[in-house]
Amino acid sequence: MAGHSKFKNIMHRKGAQDKKRSNLFSKLSREITVAAKMGMPDPDMNPRLRLAVNAAKAQSMPKDNIQRAIDKASGGDDESYEDIRYEGFGPAGTGVIVEVSTDNKNRAAAEVRTAFAKNGGNLGETGSVAFMFDNVGEIRYPLSKADEDTMMEAAIEAGAEDVASEPGDEDNEGEHVIYTAREDLMEVVGALSATFEDPSSAKLIWRPQNLIEVTGDKVGTLMKMMEMLEDSDDVQNVYANFDISDEDMAQLD
């Protein structure tokens, strides 16, 4: 399982959901505004905006919030966000990619650097980690949407490159995870939506090529670093190539 997916499951179980949800809505709103500013304010004419709106809907973000974020792009405000990618190494030599959207580059850099430095990691140069990942499209559907063979057949026919499944637990239903080439994401989403309705998530991600096993004390340290990064208002996405056993995960609860 990809490190970032496993981390999301851990954080879901750890609680503090009101704060997390507010932070999530803030990040989703920012991405919608940035996407609308960079292209047309119409999701049908702007692929990045369409992905951002779909991601917001998947998290049950109210329609009024979504529309306000779109309207803000044409409201003449002076906020100007810059997309930045940071790369570095966490505990046990794990590779970490941090995607930032910020109106204050110095603040964002300081927060990312601090999260690495306080938890046994270090920032690297651009490209020092990205080669260990593939930048691909990721589409998610609940396992209840279709059986594995049906989803596999439909996804491959739609142009997907790979299909996997992530089992659920007592708090989360499992998901079908469909991977596409970066440039094919929206085409595959369109084809699958015609059969299964809109997915619960569709976005570009950094998919690890291989996972690094993390055990013992380094698990807690790595999770603290990931949480510090996720808690930053400027950080939009965090990806890592770690693998943690169920036993070590249980120690975090």
Protein backbone atom coordinates (compact mmCIF):
# COMPACT_ATOMS: atom_id res chain seq x y z
CA MET A 1 0.00 0.00 0.00
CA ALA A 2 1.30 3.45 -0.88
CA GLY A 3 2.63 5.32 2.12
CA HIS A 4 0.37 8.32 1.76
CA SER A 5 -2.75 6.15 1.66
CA LYS A 6 -1.75 4.27 4.78
CA PHE A 7 -1.00 7.56 6.56
CA LYS A 8 -4.46 8.90 5.68
CA ASN A 9 -6.05 5.82 7.25
CA ILE A 10 -3.99 6.28 10.41
CA MET A 11 -4.95 9.94 10.74
CA HIS A 12 -8.63 9.11 10.19
CA ARG A 13 -8.53 6.81 13.21
CA LYS A 14 -6.60 9.19 15.42
CA GLY A 15 -9.53 11.63 15.69
CA ALA A 16 -9.53 15.45 15.95
CA GLN A 17 -11.82 15.33 12.94
CA ASP A 18 -13.30 18.83 13.21
CA LYS A 19 -9.88 20.45 12.97
CA LYS A 20 -8.77 18.07 10.23
CA ARG A 21 -11.95 18.69 8.25
CA SER A 22 -11.59 22.47 8.49
CA ASN A 23 -7.98 22.21 7.36
CA LEU A 24 -9.01 19.90 4.50
CA PHE A 25 -11.74 22.28 3.29
CA SER A 26 -9.25 25.14 3.37
CA LYS A 27 -6.80 23.19 1.18
CA LEU A 28 -9.54 22.11 -1.21
CA SER A 29 -10.83 25.69 -1.52
CA ARG A 30 -7.34 26.97 -2.26
CA GLU A 31 -6.81 24.41 -5.01
CA ILE A 32 -10.17 25.31 -6.58
CA THR A 33 -9.30 29.02 -6.54
CA VAL A 34 -5.82 28.47 -7.97
CA ALA A 35 -7.18 26.18 -10.70
CA ALA A 36 -9.90 28.69 -11.62
CA LYS A 37 -7.36 31.52 -11.80
CA MET A 38 -5.04 29.54 -14.06
CA GLY A 39 -7.76 28.67 -16.56
CA MET A 40 -11.45 29.07 -17.24
CA PRO A 41 -13.79 29.27 -14.19
CA ASP A 42 -15.92 26.56 -15.85
CA PRO A 43 -14.97 23.03 -14.69
CA ASP A 44 -16.08 21.61 -18.05
CA MET A 45 -13.47 23.77 -19.79
CA ASN A 46 -10.71 23.50 -17.17
CA PRO A 47 -9.39 19.99 -16.37
CA ARG A 48 -7.47 21.07 -13.26
CA LEU A 49 -10.54 22.84 -11.90
CA ARG A 50 -12.70 19.83 -12.68
CA LEU A 51 -10.36 17.60 -10.67
CA ALA A 52 -10.35 20.08 -7.78
CA VAL A 53 -14.15 20.32 -7.73
CA ASN A 54 -14.49 16.53 -7.89
CA ALA A 55 -12.07 16.17 -4.98
CA ALA A 56 -14.09 18.68 -2.95
CA LYS A 57 -17.36 16.90 -3.70
CA ALA A 58 -15.81 13.59 -2.69
CA GLN A 59 -15.12 15.09 0.75
CA SER A 60 -18.72 16.35 1.04
CA MET A 61 -17.68 19.98 0.77
CA PRO A 62 -20.85 22.12 0.49
CA LYS A 63 -21.73 23.41 -2.98
CA ASP A 64 -21.77 27.00 -1.67
CA ASN A 65 -18.17 26.64 -0.50
CA ILE A 66 -17.11 25.29 -3.87
CA GLN A 67 -18.82 28.14 -5.73
CA ARG A 68 -17.29 30.75 -3.39
CA ALA A 69 -13.84 29.34 -4.09
CA ILE A 70 -14.45 29.58 -7.85
CA ASP A 71 -15.88 33.10 -7.54
CA LYS A 72 -12.86 34.19 -5.51
CA ALA A 73 -10.64 33.56 -8.53
CA SER A 74 -12.36 36.34 -10.46
CA GLY A 75 -13.03 38.60 -7.50
CA GLY A 76 -9.97 40.78 -8.01
CA ASP A 77 -8.26 39.87 -4.72
CA ASP A 78 -4.52 40.32 -4.51
CA GLU A 79 -3.71 36.80 -3.31
CA SER A 80 -1.35 35.04 -5.68
CA TYR A 81 -0.49 31.41 -5.01
CA GLU A 82 2.61 29.63 -6.23
CA ASP A 83 2.86 25.86 -6.70
CA ILE A 84 6.11 24.44 -5.30
CA ARG A 85 7.36 20.87 -4.93
CA TYR A 86 9.78 19.95 -2.17
CA GLU A 87 11.62 16.64 -2.01
CA GLY A 88 13.48 15.08 0.87
CA PHE A 89 14.25 12.06 2.97
CA GLY A 90 12.52 10.98 6.16
CA PRO A 91 13.41 8.41 8.83
CA ALA A 92 14.77 5.09 7.53
CA GLY A 93 15.69 6.73 4.23
CA THR A 94 12.10 7.08 3.06
CA GLY A 95 11.50 9.37 0.09
CA VAL A 96 8.99 12.18 0.65
CA ILE A 97 7.43 14.57 -1.87
CA VAL A 98 5.59 17.64 -0.58
CA GLU A 99 3.36 19.70 -2.87
CA VAL A 100 2.75 23.26 -1.69
CA SER A 101 0.44 26.04 -2.86
CA THR A 102 1.38 29.25 -1.06
CA ASP A 103 1.21 33.02 -1.12
CA ASN A 104 4.34 33.18 1.06
CA LYS A 105 7.21 31.07 -0.26
CA ASN A 106 9.50 31.82 2.69
CA ARG A 107 6.88 30.73 5.24
CA ALA A 108 6.13 27.54 3.36
CA ALA A 109 9.81 26.65 2.98
CA ALA A 110 10.44 27.24 6.69
CA GLU A 111 7.52 25.03 7.75
CA VAL A 112 8.51 22.19 5.43
CA ARG A 113 12.18 22.41 6.45
CA THR A 114 11.23 22.39 10.15
CA ALA A 115 9.03 19.31 9.77
CA PHE A 116 11.93 17.41 8.20
CA ALA A 117 14.60 18.70 10.58
CA LYS A 118 12.66 17.98 13.78
CA ASN A 119 11.99 14.39 12.81
CA GLY A 120 15.29 13.05 11.56
CA GLY A 121 14.78 13.99 7.92
CA ASN A 122 16.44 16.35 5.51
CA LEU A 123 15.38 18.26 2.43
CA GLY A 124 17.03 17.41 -0.86
CA GLU A 125 17.38 19.09 -4.21
CA THR A 126 14.59 19.02 -6.77
CA GLY A 127 14.76 15.62 -8.44
CA SER A 128 16.53 13.90 -5.55
CA VAL A 129 13.42 11.86 -4.70
CA ALA A 130 10.99 12.22 -7.61
CA PHE A 131 12.83 9.59 -9.67
CA MET A 132 11.65 6.99 -7.13
CA PHE A 133 8.01 7.81 -7.93
CA ASP A 134 5.77 7.89 -11.00
CA ASN A 135 3.53 10.92 -11.57
CA VAL A 136 0.26 9.24 -12.57
CA GLY A 137 -3.49 9.62 -12.42
CA GLU A 138 -5.33 7.92 -9.56
CA ILE A 139 -9.08 7.19 -9.54
CA ARG A 140 -10.88 5.71 -6.55
CA TYR A 141 -14.24 3.97 -6.22
CA PRO A 142 -15.73 2.23 -3.16
CA LEU A 143 -15.44 -1.54 -3.31
CA SER A 144 -19.24 -1.70 -3.15
CA LYS A 145 -19.50 0.02 -6.53
CA ALA A 146 -18.57 -3.14 -8.46
CA ASP A 147 -16.85 -6.48 -8.02
CA GLU A 148 -13.13 -6.68 -8.73
CA ASP A 149 -13.41 -8.31 -12.16
CA THR A 150 -16.06 -5.85 -13.36
CA MET A 151 -14.05 -2.84 -12.27
CA MET A 152 -10.86 -4.26 -13.75
CA GLU A 153 -12.49 -4.92 -17.12
CA ALA A 154 -14.12 -1.48 -17.27
CA ALA A 155 -10.96 0.35 -16.22
CA ILE A 156 -8.70 -1.38 -18.73
CA GLU A 157 -11.24 -0.83 -21.49
CA ALA A 158 -11.36 2.87 -20.53
CA GLY A 159 -7.58 3.15 -20.95
CA ALA A 160 -6.28 2.63 -17.42
CA GLU A 161 -2.83 1.14 -16.87
CA ASP A 162 -3.32 -0.69 -13.57
CA VAL A 163 -6.08 -1.56 -11.10
CA ALA A 164 -5.66 -2.53 -7.45
CA SER A 165 -7.88 -2.82 -4.40
CA GLU A 166 -7.34 -1.55 -0.88
CA PRO A 167 -9.17 -3.48 1.85
CA GLY A 168 -11.25 -1.57 4.35
CA ASP A 169 -11.38 -1.74 8.13
CA GLU A 170 -13.89 -0.97 10.85
CA ASP A 171 -13.80 2.75 9.98
CA ASN A 172 -13.39 2.79 6.20
CA GLU A 173 -14.86 0.88 3.30
CA GLY A 174 -12.20 -0.46 0.97
CA GLU A 175 -11.62 1.05 -2.45
CA HIS A 176 -10.83 0.14 -6.03
CA VAL A 177 -7.74 2.13 -7.05
CA ILE A 178 -7.27 2.74 -10.76
CA TYR A 179 -4.02 4.15 -12.16
CA THR A 180 -3.68 5.95 -15.48
CA ALA A 181 -1.01 7.74 -17.45
CA ARG A 182 -0.91 11.38 -16.38
CA GLU A 183 -2.29 12.64 -19.68
CA ASP A 184 -5.11 10.05 -19.77
CA LEU A 185 -6.66 10.78 -16.35
CA MET A 186 -9.67 12.85 -17.39
CA GLU A 187 -10.48 10.61 -20.36
CA VAL A 188 -10.55 7.53 -18.13
CA VAL A 189 -12.60 9.39 -15.49
CA GLY A 190 -15.15 10.29 -18.15
CA ALA A 191 -15.45 6.73 -19.40
CA LEU A 192 -15.79 5.22 -15.91
CA SER A 193 -18.24 7.91 -14.77
CA ALA A 194 -20.58 6.92 -17.60
CA THR A 195 -20.72 3.42 -16.10
CA PHE A 196 -20.23 3.89 -12.34
CA GLU A 197 -21.09 7.59 -11.81
CA ASP A 198 -18.44 10.00 -10.51
CA PRO A 199 -15.52 8.45 -8.57
CA SER A 200 -14.91 9.25 -4.91
CA SER A 201 -11.53 10.69 -5.91
CA ALA A 202 -9.67 11.50 -9.12
CA LYS A 203 -6.32 13.30 -9.08
CA LEU A 204 -2.69 13.28 -10.11
CA ILE A 205 -0.43 11.65 -7.54
CA TRP A 206 3.17 10.56 -7.02
CA ARG A 207 3.06 6.76 -6.87
CA PRO A 208 6.06 5.03 -5.24
CA GLN A 209 7.88 2.57 -7.47
CA ASN A 210 9.02 0.58 -4.43
CA LEU A 211 8.22 0.76 -0.72
CA ILE A 212 10.72 1.01 2.14
CA GLU A 213 9.90 -0.93 5.29
CA VAL A 214 9.88 1.23 8.43
CA THR A 215 9.83 -0.42 11.86
CA GLY A 216 10.24 0.29 15.56
CA ASP A 217 10.79 3.79 16.88
CA LYS A 218 11.18 5.22 13.40
CA VAL A 219 7.48 4.61 12.73
CA GLY A 220 6.37 7.16 15.32
CA THR A 221 8.98 9.67 14.17
CA LEU A 222 7.94 9.32 10.54
CA MET A 223 4.26 9.75 11.42
CA LYS A 224 5.05 12.91 13.41
CA MET A 225 6.86 14.34 10.39
CA MET A 226 3.97 13.46 8.09
CA GLU A 227 1.46 15.02 10.49
CA MET A 228 3.48 18.24 10.78
CA LEU A 229 3.54 18.51 7.01
CA GLU A 230 -0.18 17.77 6.64
CA ASP A 231 -1.03 20.36 9.32
CA SER A 232 0.66 23.17 7.38
CA ASP A 233 -1.91 25.37 5.65
CA ASP A 234 0.43 25.73 2.67
CA VAL A 235 0.92 22.00 2.09
CA GLN A 236 -1.57 20.51 -0.36
CA ASN A 237 -0.31 16.92 -0.68
CA VAL A 238 2.33 14.68 0.88
CA TYR A 239 3.54 11.44 -0.71
CA ALA A 240 6.01 8.94 0.73
CA ASN A 241 7.31 5.47 -0.11
CA PHE A 242 7.10 3.83 3.31
CA ASP A 243 5.57 0.50 4.29
CA ILE A 244 4.52 -0.12 7.90
CA SER A 245 3.28 -3.43 9.29
CA ASP A 246 -0.18 -3.69 10.83
CA GLU A 247 1.48 -4.46 14.16
CA ASP A 248 3.52 -1.25 14.15
CA MET A 249 0.49 0.71 12.93
CA ALA A 250 -1.53 -0.60 15.88
CA GLN A 251 1.05 0.83 18.29
CA LEU A 252 0.17 4.33 17.07
CA ASP A 253 -3.49 4.14 18.18
